[in-house]
C-alpha atoms as a PDB file:
ATOM      1  CA  MET A   1      69.827 116.152   8.144  1.00  0.00           C
ATOM      2  CA  ALA A   2      73.391 116.153   9.741  1.00  0.00           C
ATOM      3  CA  ALA A   3      73.247 113.377  12.284  1.00  0.00           C
ATOM      4  CA  ASP A   4      75.790 115.272  14.532  1.00  0.00           C
ATOM      5  CA  CYS A   5      73.881 118.644  14.257  1.00  0.00           C
ATOM      6  CA  LEU A   6      71.693 119.837  17.320  1.00  0.00           C
ATOM      7  CA  PHE A   7      69.396 121.936  15.271  1.00  0.00           C
ATOM      8  CA  CYS A   8      68.784 119.024  12.799  1.00  0.00           C
ATOM      9  CA  ARG A   9      67.897 116.639  15.881  1.00  0.00           C
ATOM     10  CA  ILE A  10      65.553 119.441  17.181  1.00  0.00           C
ATOM     11  CA  VAL A  11      63.826 119.690  13.925  1.00  0.00           C
ATOM     12  CA  ALA A  12      63.377 115.973  13.743  1.00  0.00           C
ATOM     13  CA  GLY A  13      62.017 115.897  17.152  1.00  0.00           C
ATOM     14  CA  GLU A  14      64.824 113.971  18.700  1.00  0.00           C
ATOM     15  CA  VAL A  15      65.763 116.628  21.091  1.00  0.00           C
ATOM     16  CA  ALA A  16      63.095 118.721  22.901  1.00  0.00           C
ATOM     17  CA  SER A  17      62.309 122.490  22.283  1.00  0.00           C
ATOM     18  CA  GLU A  18      59.733 124.938  22.893  1.00  0.00           C
ATOM     19  CA  GLU A  19      58.152 125.456  19.624  1.00  0.00           C
ATOM     20  CA  VAL A  20      56.884 128.994  18.651  1.00  0.00           C
ATOM     21  CA  LEU A  21      56.030 128.421  15.037  1.00  0.00           C
ATOM     22  CA  ARG A  22      56.685 126.108  11.978  1.00  0.00           C
ATOM     23  CA  THR A  23      56.322 126.446   8.403  1.00  0.00           C
ATOM     24  CA  GLU A  24      57.062 124.006   5.478  1.00  0.00           C
ATOM     25  CA  ARG A  25      60.742 125.168   5.482  1.00  0.00           C
ATOM     26  CA  THR A  26      61.475 126.549   8.869  1.00  0.00           C
ATOM     27  CA  TYR A  27      61.258 125.805  12.610  1.00  0.00           C
ATOM     28  CA  ALA A  28      61.064 128.569  15.204  1.00  0.00           C
ATOM     29  CA  PHE A  29      61.980 127.787  18.672  1.00  0.00           C
ATOM     30  CA  ARG A  30      62.781 129.647  21.961  1.00  0.00           C
ATOM     31  CA  ASP A  31      66.482 129.958  22.718  1.00  0.00           C
ATOM     32  CA  ILE A  32      67.443 128.148  25.997  1.00  0.00           C
ATOM     33  CA  ASN A  33      69.949 131.125  26.823  1.00  0.00           C
ATOM     34  CA  PRO A  34      67.717 133.944  26.061  1.00  0.00           C
ATOM     35  CA  VAL A  35      69.300 137.535  25.956  1.00  0.00           C
ATOM     36  CA  ALA A  36      65.728 139.378  26.126  1.00  0.00           C
ATOM     37  CA  PRO A  37      62.373 138.694  26.967  1.00  0.00           C
ATOM     38  CA  VAL A  38      61.633 137.309  23.550  1.00  0.00           C
ATOM     39  CA  HIS A  39      64.473 135.327  22.115  1.00  0.00           C
ATOM     40  CA  VAL A  40      63.539 132.933  19.624  1.00  0.00           C
ATOM     41  CA  LEU A  41      65.656 130.943  16.716  1.00  0.00           C
ATOM     42  CA  VAL A  42      64.426 130.551  13.284  1.00  0.00           C
ATOM     43  CA  VAL A  43      66.148 127.657  11.451  1.00  0.00           C
ATOM     44  CA  PRO A  44      65.826 125.749   7.992  1.00  0.00           C
ATOM     45  CA  ARG A  45      64.404 122.543   8.266  1.00  0.00           C
ATOM     46  CA  ASP A  46      67.389 121.364   5.936  1.00  0.00           C
ATOM     47  CA  HIS A  47      70.889 121.696   6.979  1.00  0.00           C
ATOM     48  CA  ILE A  48      72.821 124.714   5.996  1.00  0.00           C
ATOM     49  CA  ASP A  49      76.265 125.342   7.801  1.00  0.00           C
ATOM     50  CA  ASN A  50      75.802 129.076   8.356  1.00  0.00           C
ATOM     51  CA  ALA A  51      74.911 132.361   6.581  1.00  0.00           C
ATOM     52  CA  ALA A  52      78.442 132.294   4.792  1.00  0.00           C
ATOM     53  CA  ALA A  53      77.350 129.044   3.191  1.00  0.00           C
ATOM     54  CA  VAL A  54      74.108 130.668   1.529  1.00  0.00           C
ATOM     55  CA  SER A  55      74.086 130.650  -1.997  1.00  0.00           C
ATOM     56  CA  ALA A  56      71.233 131.842  -4.790  1.00  0.00           C
ATOM     57  CA  ARG A  57      70.034 128.338  -4.650  1.00  0.00           C
ATOM     58  CA  HIS A  58      68.827 129.035  -0.997  1.00  0.00           C
ATOM     59  CA  ALA A  59      66.794 132.221  -1.962  1.00  0.00           C
ATOM     60  CA  ALA A  60      63.464 130.639  -0.967  1.00  0.00           C
ATOM     61  CA  VAL A  61      64.503 129.342   2.519  1.00  0.00           C
ATOM     62  CA  VAL A  62      66.352 132.515   3.340  1.00  0.00           C
ATOM     63  CA  ALA A  63      62.852 134.314   2.352  1.00  0.00           C
ATOM     64  CA  GLU A  64      60.910 131.994   4.447  1.00  0.00           C
ATOM     65  CA  LEU A  65      63.422 132.444   7.324  1.00  0.00           C
ATOM     66  CA  LEU A  66      62.541 136.206   7.244  1.00  0.00           C
ATOM     67  CA  THR A  67      58.864 135.885   6.851  1.00  0.00           C
ATOM     68  CA  THR A  68      58.796 133.356   9.672  1.00  0.00           C
ATOM     69  CA  ALA A  69      60.781 135.748  11.826  1.00  0.00           C
ATOM     70  CA  ARG A  70      58.075 138.411  11.084  1.00  0.00           C
ATOM     71  CA  ALA A  71      55.456 136.002  12.181  1.00  0.00           C
ATOM     72  CA  VAL A  72      57.183 135.025  15.320  1.00  0.00           C
ATOM     73  CA  ALA A  73      57.529 138.876  16.179  1.00  0.00           C
ATOM     74  CA  GLU A  74      53.781 139.253  15.366  1.00  0.00           C
ATOM     75  CA  ALA A  75      52.822 136.169  17.470  1.00  0.00           C
ATOM     76  CA  GLU A  76      55.160 137.277  20.534  1.00  0.00           C
ATOM     77  CA  GLY A  77      53.736 140.943  20.402  1.00  0.00           C
ATOM     78  CA  ILE A  78      57.036 142.716  19.469  1.00  0.00           C
ATOM     79  CA  LEU A  79      56.120 143.582  15.735  1.00  0.00           C
ATOM     80  CA  GLU A  80      55.001 147.052  16.356  1.00  0.00           C
ATOM     81  CA  ARG A  81      57.507 148.152  19.016  1.00  0.00           C
ATOM     82  CA  GLY A  82      60.509 146.391  17.439  1.00  0.00           C
ATOM     83  CA  TYR A  83      63.054 143.554  17.308  1.00  0.00           C
ATOM     84  CA  ARG A  84      66.467 142.443  16.158  1.00  0.00           C
ATOM     85  CA  LEU A  85      67.380 139.897  13.603  1.00  0.00           C
ATOM     86  CA  VAL A  86      70.741 138.463  13.958  1.00  0.00           C
ATOM     87  CA  PHE A  87      72.865 135.779  12.050  1.00  0.00           C
ATOM     88  CA  ASN A  88      76.018 134.863  13.725  1.00  0.00           C
ATOM     89  CA  VAL A  89      78.924 133.241  11.770  1.00  0.00           C
ATOM     90  CA  GLY A  90      81.884 131.775  12.988  1.00  0.00           C
ATOM     91  CA  GLU A  91      83.900 131.313  16.353  1.00  0.00           C
ATOM     92  CA  ASP A  92      84.483 135.127  16.825  1.00  0.00           C
ATOM     93  CA  ALA A  93      80.710 135.806  16.528  1.00  0.00           C
ATOM     94  CA  LEU A  94      80.162 133.118  19.345  1.00  0.00           C
ATOM     95  CA  ASN A  95      78.219 130.991  16.719  1.00  0.00           C
ATOM     96  CA  SER A  96      78.047 127.699  18.881  1.00  0.00           C
ATOM     97  CA  VAL A  97      75.778 125.518  16.369  1.00  0.00           C
ATOM     98  CA  ALA A  98      76.844 124.871  12.779  1.00  0.00           C
ATOM     99  CA  HIS A  99      73.464 125.149  11.431  1.00  0.00           C
ATOM    100  CA  LEU A 100      72.066 128.493   9.946  1.00  0.00           C
ATOM    101  CA  HIS A 101      69.865 130.198  12.525  1.00  0.00           C
ATOM    102  CA  LEU A 102      68.241 133.655  12.807  1.00  0.00           C
ATOM    103  CA  HIS A 103      67.757 135.036  16.324  1.00  0.00           C
ATOM    104  CA  VAL A 104      64.546 136.928  16.809  1.00  0.00           C
ATOM    105  CA  ILE A 105      65.243 139.279  19.763  1.00  0.00           C
ATOM    106  CA  GLY A 106      62.998 141.684  21.471  1.00  0.00           C
ATOM    107  CA  GLY A 107      60.402 142.351  24.214  1.00  0.00           C
ATOM    108  CA  LYS A 108      62.582 145.355  25.672  1.00  0.00           C
ATOM    109  CA  ARG A 109      64.849 148.396  24.599  1.00  0.00           C
ATOM    110  CA  LEU A 110      67.826 146.943  22.920  1.00  0.00           C
ATOM    111  CA  GLY A 111      71.137 148.532  23.371  1.00  0.00           C
ATOM    112  CA  TRP A 112      73.821 149.098  20.471  1.00  0.00           C
ATOM    113  CA  PRO A 113      76.327 147.850  20.067  1.00  0.00           C
ATOM    114  CA  PRO A 114      74.948 144.587  21.301  1.00  0.00           C
ATOM    115  CA  GLY A 115      76.554 142.474  24.066  1.00  0.00           C
END
């Protein structure tokens, strides 16, 4: 756990969140600034800075992020109609928390390009 990381503190229960799902390696919670009716963040319980810091040793946790995202989509009723999965990396992508997180976004027809 990184002491100054907001998402590490959320995973540890030090900062409140609205839990959607949890697994052995992941934690999913509602985004506080949703861009769609369903906007859930899936984070690894262990700190990884961002998607650019992922290496082969993270294979199991990255796979679990994706399977957790699918479970979130199913639980939120968006599995069949579709949803978007997004990793943001760096300042230009508006990544505001330096902890790997996967956005699960859906519940409405999403435009392209996003934003």
